C-alpha cells in the first residue's frame, strides 16, 4: 500500500537491510514495531518490500518525531535484537522530502 502523506516538506527514514537466515521472531517484532510507530507522534505512514534486500521507508512530520521514535524503549529493544540476530547488515538514511508527485489510477 502506498502511504498517503501530506504536502511536503516532511521526512523519510529509509532502512535497508540484509537478513540472516530464519525468522527467530522477526516477523512478529516487525509487525509490533509498525503498530507502535503508527501511534507515535509525527508518524505519517510507511512502505516496505522484503526479499533478498529489505527496504522500509517511514514518513515523519519532523526530525524531532524521528528522534522520539528512535528513543522509544521497545524500538530500542528491537534494534538491539536486529543487530544481534536478524541482520547481516543494514543502513538507515534520513532524508527531507521536498517534492512529491504520482498517479493513483
N, C-alpha and C. Protein backbone atom coordinates (compact mmCIF):
# COMPACT_ATOMS: atom_id res chain seq x y z
N UNK A 1 0.84 -1.17 0.00
CA UNK A 1 0.00 0.00 0.00
C UNK A 1 0.89 1.24 0.00
N UNK A 2 0.53 2.22 -0.77
CA UNK A 2 1.27 3.47 -0.84
C UNK A 2 0.72 4.42 0.23
N UNK A 3 1.61 4.96 1.04
CA UNK A 3 1.20 5.86 2.12
C UNK A 3 0.63 7.16 1.58
N UNK A 4 -0.39 7.64 2.24
CA UNK A 4 -0.96 8.96 1.94
C UNK A 4 -0.24 9.97 2.83
N UNK A 5 0.66 10.71 2.26
CA UNK A 5 1.44 11.67 3.02
C UNK A 5 0.93 13.08 2.75
N UNK A 6 1.22 14.01 3.67
CA UNK A 6 0.78 15.39 3.47
C UNK A 6 1.66 16.09 2.44
N UNK A 7 1.32 17.31 2.14
CA UNK A 7 2.16 18.12 1.27
C UNK A 7 3.54 18.26 1.90
N UNK A 8 4.61 18.14 1.12
CA UNK A 8 5.96 18.35 1.65
C UNK A 8 6.12 19.78 2.14
N UNK A 9 7.06 20.01 3.02
CA UNK A 9 8.13 19.10 3.41
C UNK A 9 7.73 18.19 4.56
N UNK A 10 8.32 17.02 4.58
CA UNK A 10 8.27 16.06 5.68
C UNK A 10 9.54 15.22 5.55
N UNK A 11 9.71 14.25 6.39
CA UNK A 11 10.95 13.47 6.41
C UNK A 11 10.68 11.99 6.13
N UNK A 12 11.68 11.36 5.52
CA UNK A 12 11.63 9.92 5.27
C UNK A 12 12.82 9.27 5.95
N UNK A 13 12.56 8.17 6.64
CA UNK A 13 13.62 7.34 7.18
C UNK A 13 13.65 6.09 6.32
N UNK A 14 14.78 5.85 5.67
CA UNK A 14 14.92 4.73 4.74
C UNK A 14 15.83 3.70 5.40
N UNK A 15 15.28 2.53 5.66
CA UNK A 15 16.01 1.45 6.33
C UNK A 15 16.18 0.32 5.33
N UNK A 16 17.42 0.03 4.96
CA UNK A 16 17.70 -1.09 4.07
C UNK A 16 18.49 -2.14 4.84
N UNK A 17 18.19 -3.41 4.57
CA UNK A 17 18.82 -4.47 5.36
C UNK A 17 19.03 -5.74 4.56
N UNK A 18 20.01 -6.49 5.01
CA UNK A 18 20.24 -7.85 4.56
C UNK A 18 19.99 -8.74 5.77
N UNK A 19 19.06 -9.67 5.65
CA UNK A 19 18.65 -10.52 6.76
C UNK A 19 19.54 -11.73 6.94
N UNK A 20 19.55 -12.23 8.17
CA UNK A 20 20.14 -13.52 8.46
C UNK A 20 19.12 -14.59 8.09
N UNK A 21 19.52 -15.85 8.10
CA UNK A 21 18.60 -16.94 7.80
C UNK A 21 17.66 -17.17 8.98
N UNK A 22 16.43 -17.59 8.66
CA UNK A 22 15.45 -17.91 9.69
C UNK A 22 14.71 -16.70 10.20
N UNK A 23 13.55 -16.92 10.81
CA UNK A 23 12.71 -15.84 11.31
C UNK A 23 13.11 -15.41 12.72
N UNK A 24 13.21 -16.34 13.64
CA UNK A 24 13.57 -16.09 15.04
C UNK A 24 12.80 -14.93 15.66
N UNK A 25 11.51 -14.82 15.33
CA UNK A 25 10.66 -13.79 15.90
C UNK A 25 10.67 -12.48 15.14
N UNK A 26 11.36 -12.44 14.01
CA UNK A 26 11.48 -11.19 13.23
C UNK A 26 10.12 -10.68 12.75
N UNK A 27 9.32 -11.54 12.16
CA UNK A 27 8.03 -11.11 11.59
C UNK A 27 7.13 -10.51 12.66
N UNK A 28 7.07 -11.15 13.82
CA UNK A 28 6.23 -10.65 14.91
C UNK A 28 6.74 -9.30 15.40
N UNK A 29 8.04 -9.15 15.54
CA UNK A 29 8.60 -7.89 16.01
C UNK A 29 8.40 -6.79 14.97
N UNK A 30 8.53 -7.13 13.70
CA UNK A 30 8.33 -6.16 12.64
C UNK A 30 6.90 -5.61 12.68
N UNK A 31 5.94 -6.50 12.85
CA UNK A 31 4.53 -6.09 12.93
C UNK A 31 4.29 -5.22 14.17
N UNK A 32 4.88 -5.62 15.28
CA UNK A 32 4.73 -4.85 16.52
C UNK A 32 5.31 -3.45 16.36
N UNK A 33 6.48 -3.33 15.73
CA UNK A 33 7.11 -2.03 15.55
C UNK A 33 6.27 -1.13 14.64
N UNK A 34 5.68 -1.70 13.60
CA UNK A 34 4.81 -0.91 12.73
C UNK A 34 3.59 -0.40 13.50
N UNK A 35 3.00 -1.25 14.32
CA UNK A 35 1.85 -0.83 15.12
C UNK A 35 2.23 0.28 16.09
N UNK A 36 3.39 0.13 16.76
CA UNK A 36 3.85 1.16 17.69
C UNK A 36 4.16 2.46 16.97
N UNK A 37 4.88 2.37 15.87
CA UNK A 37 5.25 3.57 15.11
C UNK A 37 4.01 4.30 14.63
N UNK A 38 3.00 3.55 14.21
CA UNK A 38 1.79 4.19 13.68
C UNK A 38 1.06 5.01 14.73
N UNK A 39 1.34 4.75 16.01
CA UNK A 39 0.73 5.53 17.09
C UNK A 39 1.65 6.63 17.60
N UNK A 40 2.89 6.67 17.10
CA UNK A 40 3.85 7.66 17.57
C UNK A 40 3.53 9.05 17.02
N UNK A 41 3.76 10.06 17.84
CA UNK A 41 3.52 11.44 17.43
C UNK A 41 4.40 11.75 16.22
N UNK A 42 3.78 12.28 15.18
CA UNK A 42 4.52 12.68 13.99
C UNK A 42 4.64 11.63 12.92
N UNK A 43 4.17 10.39 13.18
CA UNK A 43 4.23 9.33 12.17
C UNK A 43 3.23 9.61 11.06
N UNK A 44 3.67 9.49 9.81
CA UNK A 44 2.79 9.77 8.67
C UNK A 44 2.44 8.54 7.85
N UNK A 45 3.26 7.49 7.90
CA UNK A 45 2.99 6.28 7.13
C UNK A 45 4.27 5.50 6.90
N UNK A 46 4.13 4.34 6.24
CA UNK A 46 5.29 3.50 5.95
C UNK A 46 5.00 2.61 4.75
N UNK A 47 6.06 2.26 4.06
CA UNK A 47 6.00 1.33 2.93
C UNK A 47 7.20 0.40 3.04
N UNK A 48 7.06 -0.84 2.56
CA UNK A 48 8.18 -1.77 2.67
C UNK A 48 8.13 -2.82 1.59
N UNK A 49 9.28 -3.38 1.34
CA UNK A 49 9.44 -4.52 0.43
C UNK A 49 10.52 -5.40 1.05
N UNK A 50 10.21 -6.68 1.17
CA UNK A 50 11.17 -7.57 1.80
C UNK A 50 11.38 -8.80 0.93
N UNK A 51 12.55 -8.88 0.38
CA UNK A 51 13.00 -10.04 -0.37
C UNK A 51 14.45 -10.28 0.02
N UNK A 52 15.31 -10.41 -0.95
CA UNK A 52 16.73 -10.56 -0.65
C UNK A 52 17.26 -9.32 0.07
N UNK A 53 16.82 -8.15 -0.39
CA UNK A 53 17.14 -6.88 0.25
C UNK A 53 15.85 -6.33 0.84
N UNK A 54 15.87 -6.02 2.12
CA UNK A 54 14.69 -5.44 2.75
C UNK A 54 14.77 -3.93 2.72
N UNK A 55 13.68 -3.28 2.39
CA UNK A 55 13.62 -1.82 2.38
C UNK A 55 12.33 -1.39 3.08
N UNK A 56 12.48 -0.56 4.09
CA UNK A 56 11.33 0.04 4.76
C UNK A 56 11.52 1.54 4.75
N UNK A 57 10.50 2.26 4.32
CA UNK A 57 10.53 3.72 4.33
C UNK A 57 9.40 4.19 5.23
N UNK A 58 9.76 4.93 6.28
CA UNK A 58 8.73 5.51 7.14
C UNK A 58 8.78 7.02 6.98
N UNK A 59 7.62 7.64 7.14
CA UNK A 59 7.48 9.07 6.90
C UNK A 59 7.11 9.77 8.21
N UNK A 60 7.72 10.93 8.43
CA UNK A 60 7.59 11.63 9.70
C UNK A 60 7.42 13.12 9.50
N UNK A 61 6.71 13.76 10.41
CA UNK A 61 6.49 15.21 10.35
C UNK A 61 7.76 16.01 10.57
N UNK A 62 8.65 15.51 11.43
CA UNK A 62 9.80 16.32 11.83
C UNK A 62 10.97 15.44 12.26
N UNK A 63 12.15 16.07 12.34
CA UNK A 63 13.32 15.38 12.86
C UNK A 63 13.13 15.02 14.33
N UNK A 64 12.43 15.87 15.07
CA UNK A 64 12.15 15.60 16.48
C UNK A 64 11.28 14.33 16.63
N UNK A 65 10.29 14.16 15.76
CA UNK A 65 9.46 12.96 15.81
C UNK A 65 10.30 11.71 15.52
N UNK A 66 11.23 11.81 14.60
CA UNK A 66 12.13 10.68 14.29
C UNK A 66 12.99 10.36 15.50
N UNK A 67 13.51 11.37 16.14
CA UNK A 67 14.35 11.17 17.33
C UNK A 67 13.56 10.50 18.45
N UNK A 68 12.34 10.94 18.66
CA UNK A 68 11.49 10.32 19.69
C UNK A 68 11.24 8.85 19.39
N UNK A 69 10.97 8.52 18.13
CA UNK A 69 10.75 7.13 17.75
C UNK A 69 12.03 6.31 17.97
N UNK A 70 13.17 6.86 17.58
CA UNK A 70 14.43 6.14 17.77
C UNK A 70 14.66 5.82 19.24
N UNK A 71 14.27 6.73 20.13
CA UNK A 71 14.49 6.55 21.56
C UNK A 71 13.39 5.79 22.28
N UNK A 72 12.34 5.38 21.57
CA UNK A 72 11.28 4.58 22.18
C UNK A 72 11.89 3.30 22.76
N UNK A 73 11.51 2.95 23.98
CA UNK A 73 12.10 1.82 24.68
C UNK A 73 11.94 0.51 23.91
N UNK A 74 10.74 0.23 23.42
CA UNK A 74 10.51 -1.02 22.70
C UNK A 74 11.25 -1.04 21.36
N UNK A 75 11.34 0.12 20.71
CA UNK A 75 12.08 0.21 19.46
C UNK A 75 13.57 -0.02 19.72
N UNK A 76 14.07 0.47 20.84
CA UNK A 76 15.46 0.26 21.22
C UNK A 76 15.75 -1.24 21.39
N UNK A 77 14.84 -1.95 22.03
CA UNK A 77 14.98 -3.41 22.19
C UNK A 77 15.01 -4.09 20.82
N UNK A 78 14.10 -3.70 19.93
CA UNK A 78 14.04 -4.29 18.59
C UNK A 78 15.33 -4.02 17.81
N UNK A 79 15.88 -2.81 17.92
CA UNK A 79 17.13 -2.50 17.22
C UNK A 79 18.27 -3.37 17.74
N UNK A 80 18.32 -3.57 19.05
CA UNK A 80 19.36 -4.41 19.65
C UNK A 80 19.25 -5.85 19.14
N UNK A 81 18.03 -6.39 19.11
CA UNK A 81 17.83 -7.74 18.59
C UNK A 81 18.20 -7.83 17.12
N UNK A 82 17.89 -6.78 16.37
CA UNK A 82 18.26 -6.76 14.95
C UNK A 82 19.75 -6.90 14.76
N UNK A 83 20.53 -6.17 15.52
CA UNK A 83 21.99 -6.25 15.42
C UNK A 83 22.50 -7.62 15.86
N UNK A 84 21.86 -8.20 16.88
CA UNK A 84 22.32 -9.48 17.43
C UNK A 84 21.95 -10.68 16.58
N UNK A 85 20.73 -10.66 15.96
CA UNK A 85 20.34 -11.90 15.29
C UNK A 85 19.58 -11.78 13.98
N UNK A 86 19.02 -10.65 13.60
CA UNK A 86 18.19 -10.58 12.41
C UNK A 86 18.87 -10.03 11.17
N UNK A 87 19.92 -9.23 11.35
CA UNK A 87 20.53 -8.57 10.19
C UNK A 87 21.99 -8.93 10.02
N UNK A 88 22.35 -9.19 8.77
CA UNK A 88 23.77 -9.31 8.40
C UNK A 88 24.36 -7.92 8.27
N UNK A 89 23.56 -7.00 7.75
CA UNK A 89 23.98 -5.61 7.55
C UNK A 89 22.74 -4.75 7.39
N UNK A 90 22.86 -3.46 7.73
CA UNK A 90 21.76 -2.53 7.48
C UNK A 90 22.29 -1.11 7.38
N UNK A 91 21.47 -0.25 6.82
CA UNK A 91 21.76 1.18 6.73
C UNK A 91 20.47 1.94 7.02
N UNK A 92 20.60 3.06 7.72
CA UNK A 92 19.49 3.97 7.97
C UNK A 92 19.87 5.30 7.34
N UNK A 93 18.95 5.82 6.55
CA UNK A 93 19.16 7.12 5.92
C UNK A 93 17.95 8.00 6.23
N UNK A 94 18.21 9.25 6.57
CA UNK A 94 17.15 10.19 6.87
C UNK A 94 17.21 11.28 5.80
N UNK A 95 16.06 11.53 5.17
CA UNK A 95 16.02 12.49 4.07
C UNK A 95 14.81 13.42 4.23
N UNK A 96 14.98 14.64 3.80
CA UNK A 96 13.87 15.59 3.78
C UNK A 96 13.18 15.49 2.42
N UNK A 97 11.89 15.25 2.44
CA UNK A 97 11.11 15.18 1.21
C UNK A 97 10.65 16.60 0.88
N UNK A 98 11.09 17.07 -0.25
CA UNK A 98 10.75 18.43 -0.65
C UNK A 98 9.72 18.49 -1.78
N UNK A 99 9.56 17.38 -2.48
CA UNK A 99 8.61 17.34 -3.59
C UNK A 99 8.04 15.93 -3.67
N UNK A 100 6.77 15.84 -4.07
CA UNK A 100 6.10 14.55 -4.23
C UNK A 100 5.12 14.64 -5.40
N UNK A 101 5.06 13.59 -6.19
CA UNK A 101 4.05 13.53 -7.23
C UNK A 101 3.80 12.06 -7.55
N UNK A 102 2.72 11.76 -8.23
CA UNK A 102 2.43 10.37 -8.52
C UNK A 102 1.12 10.21 -9.29
N UNK A 103 0.67 8.98 -9.34
CA UNK A 103 -0.52 8.58 -10.06
C UNK A 103 -1.26 7.56 -9.23
N UNK A 104 -2.55 7.75 -9.02
CA UNK A 104 -3.34 6.85 -8.18
C UNK A 104 -4.32 6.00 -9.00
N UNK A 105 -4.23 6.05 -10.30
CA UNK A 105 -5.04 5.23 -11.19
C UNK A 105 -6.43 5.14 -10.78
